[in-house]
């Protein structure tokens, strides 16, 4: 029996793992929200929730008019 994982959690987990493993490094820009919706095959709400979660945890920061970027901070 598989355990259901909400879309926002799946997206946040994947991006967090990419940051932890160095696939995404400090200063890297994340794909746009539109691109993330296409990549993960979901709507805007789960993408927004995932990015909010990652911002709250300190993994990413939003820059007005520029996008979302990986921070220099290491939350772990």
C-alpha atoms as a PDB file:
ATOM      1  CA  UNK A   1       0.000   0.000   0.000  1.00  0.00           C
ATOM      2  CA  UNK A   2       1.496   3.340  -1.040  1.00  0.00           C
ATOM      3  CA  UNK A   3       1.254   6.452   1.052  1.00  0.00           C
ATOM      4  CA  UNK A   4      -0.326   9.517  -0.544  1.00  0.00           C
ATOM      5  CA  UNK A   5       2.002  12.523  -0.724  1.00  0.00           C
ATOM      6  CA  UNK A   6       0.357  15.870  -1.539  1.00  0.00           C
ATOM      7  CA  UNK A   7       1.673  17.615  -4.649  1.00  0.00           C
ATOM      8  CA  UNK A   8       3.113  20.545  -2.697  1.00  0.00           C
ATOM      9  CA  UNK A   9       5.067  18.157  -0.456  1.00  0.00           C
ATOM     10  CA  UNK A  10       6.353  16.178  -3.444  1.00  0.00           C
ATOM     11  CA  UNK A  11       7.551  19.378  -5.135  1.00  0.00           C
ATOM     12  CA  UNK A  12       9.165  20.753  -1.968  1.00  0.00           C
ATOM     13  CA  UNK A  13      10.850  17.413  -1.240  1.00  0.00           C
ATOM     14  CA  UNK A  14      12.267  17.208  -4.758  1.00  0.00           C
ATOM     15  CA  UNK A  15      13.591  20.775  -4.801  1.00  0.00           C
ATOM     16  CA  UNK A  16      14.985  20.396  -1.265  1.00  0.00           C
ATOM     17  CA  UNK A  17      16.815  17.233  -2.332  1.00  0.00           C
ATOM     18  CA  UNK A  18      18.253  19.021  -5.380  1.00  0.00           C
ATOM     19  CA  UNK A  19      19.566  21.747  -3.072  1.00  0.00           C
ATOM     20  CA  UNK A  20      20.983  19.290  -0.532  1.00  0.00           C
ATOM     21  CA  UNK A  21      22.776  17.243  -3.198  1.00  0.00           C
ATOM     22  CA  UNK A  22      24.216  20.300  -4.932  1.00  0.00           C
ATOM     23  CA  UNK A  23      22.243  20.016  -8.147  1.00  0.00           C
ATOM     24  CA  UNK A  24      20.919  23.455  -7.228  1.00  0.00           C
ATOM     25  CA  UNK A  25      23.542  25.640  -5.568  1.00  0.00           C
ATOM     26  CA  UNK A  26      23.419  28.972  -3.713  1.00  0.00           C
ATOM     27  CA  UNK A  27      22.480  31.757  -6.100  1.00  0.00           C
ATOM     28  CA  UNK A  28      20.819  29.442  -8.622  1.00  0.00           C
ATOM     29  CA  UNK A  29      17.460  30.623  -9.891  1.00  0.00           C
ATOM     30  CA  UNK A  30      14.621  28.126  -9.657  1.00  0.00           C
ATOM     31  CA  UNK A  31      12.408  27.615 -12.685  1.00  0.00           C
ATOM     32  CA  UNK A  32       9.478  30.034 -12.904  1.00  0.00           C
ATOM     33  CA  UNK A  33       6.192  29.074 -11.275  1.00  0.00           C
ATOM     34  CA  UNK A  34       4.777  28.346 -14.727  1.00  0.00           C
ATOM     35  CA  UNK A  35       7.719  26.078 -15.506  1.00  0.00           C
ATOM     36  CA  UNK A  36       7.373  24.316 -12.149  1.00  0.00           C
ATOM     37  CA  UNK A  37       3.674  23.684 -12.876  1.00  0.00           C
ATOM     38  CA  UNK A  38       4.670  22.079 -16.180  1.00  0.00           C
ATOM     39  CA  UNK A  39       7.561  20.081 -14.690  1.00  0.00           C
ATOM     40  CA  UNK A  40       5.451  18.641 -11.873  1.00  0.00           C
ATOM     41  CA  UNK A  41       2.151  18.480 -13.782  1.00  0.00           C
ATOM     42  CA  UNK A  42       0.186  20.406 -11.208  1.00  0.00           C
ATOM     43  CA  UNK A  43      -1.667  23.660 -10.675  1.00  0.00           C
ATOM     44  CA  UNK A  44      -0.433  26.939  -9.205  1.00  0.00           C
ATOM     45  CA  UNK A  45      -1.557  26.302  -5.617  1.00  0.00           C
ATOM     46  CA  UNK A  46       0.767  23.334  -4.882  1.00  0.00           C
ATOM     47  CA  UNK A  47       3.708  25.164  -6.469  1.00  0.00           C
ATOM     48  CA  UNK A  48       3.027  28.248  -4.332  1.00  0.00           C
ATOM     49  CA  UNK A  49       2.702  26.115  -1.201  1.00  0.00           C
ATOM     50  CA  UNK A  50       5.969  24.272  -1.948  1.00  0.00           C
ATOM     51  CA  UNK A  51       7.865  27.518  -2.505  1.00  0.00           C
ATOM     52  CA  UNK A  52       6.379  28.979   0.678  1.00  0.00           C
ATOM     53  CA  UNK A  53       7.544  25.907   2.584  1.00  0.00           C
ATOM     54  CA  UNK A  54      11.070  26.173   1.182  1.00  0.00           C
ATOM     55  CA  UNK A  55      11.216  29.919   1.948  1.00  0.00           C
ATOM     56  CA  UNK A  56      10.056  29.260   5.515  1.00  0.00           C
ATOM     57  CA  UNK A  57      12.756  26.593   5.920  1.00  0.00           C
ATOM     58  CA  UNK A  58      15.413  28.985   4.566  1.00  0.00           C
ATOM     59  CA  UNK A  59      16.308  27.077   1.403  1.00  0.00           C
ATOM     60  CA  UNK A  60      15.132  29.736  -1.047  1.00  0.00           C
ATOM     61  CA  UNK A  61      14.301  33.420  -1.169  1.00  0.00           C
ATOM     62  CA  UNK A  62      12.053  35.366  -3.485  1.00  0.00           C
ATOM     63  CA  UNK A  63      13.347  38.506  -5.163  1.00  0.00           C
ATOM     64  CA  UNK A  64      10.635  40.882  -6.334  1.00  0.00           C
ATOM     65  CA  UNK A  65      10.473  40.852 -10.115  1.00  0.00           C
ATOM     66  CA  UNK A  66      13.460  38.498 -10.411  1.00  0.00           C
ATOM     67  CA  UNK A  67      12.294  35.069  -9.274  1.00  0.00           C
ATOM     68  CA  UNK A  68      13.139  32.559  -6.566  1.00  0.00           C
ATOM     69  CA  UNK A  69      16.756  31.761  -5.730  1.00  0.00           C
ATOM     70  CA  UNK A  70      18.612  29.213  -3.615  1.00  0.00           C
ATOM     71  CA  UNK A  71      20.006  30.887  -0.498  1.00  0.00           C
ATOM     72  CA  UNK A  72      23.517  30.717   0.900  1.00  0.00           C
ATOM     73  CA  UNK A  73      22.069  29.487   4.189  1.00  0.00           C
ATOM     74  CA  UNK A  74      22.239  25.832   5.119  1.00  0.00           C
ATOM     75  CA  UNK A  75      19.092  25.051   7.115  1.00  0.00           C
ATOM     76  CA  UNK A  76      20.299  21.582   8.102  1.00  0.00           C
END
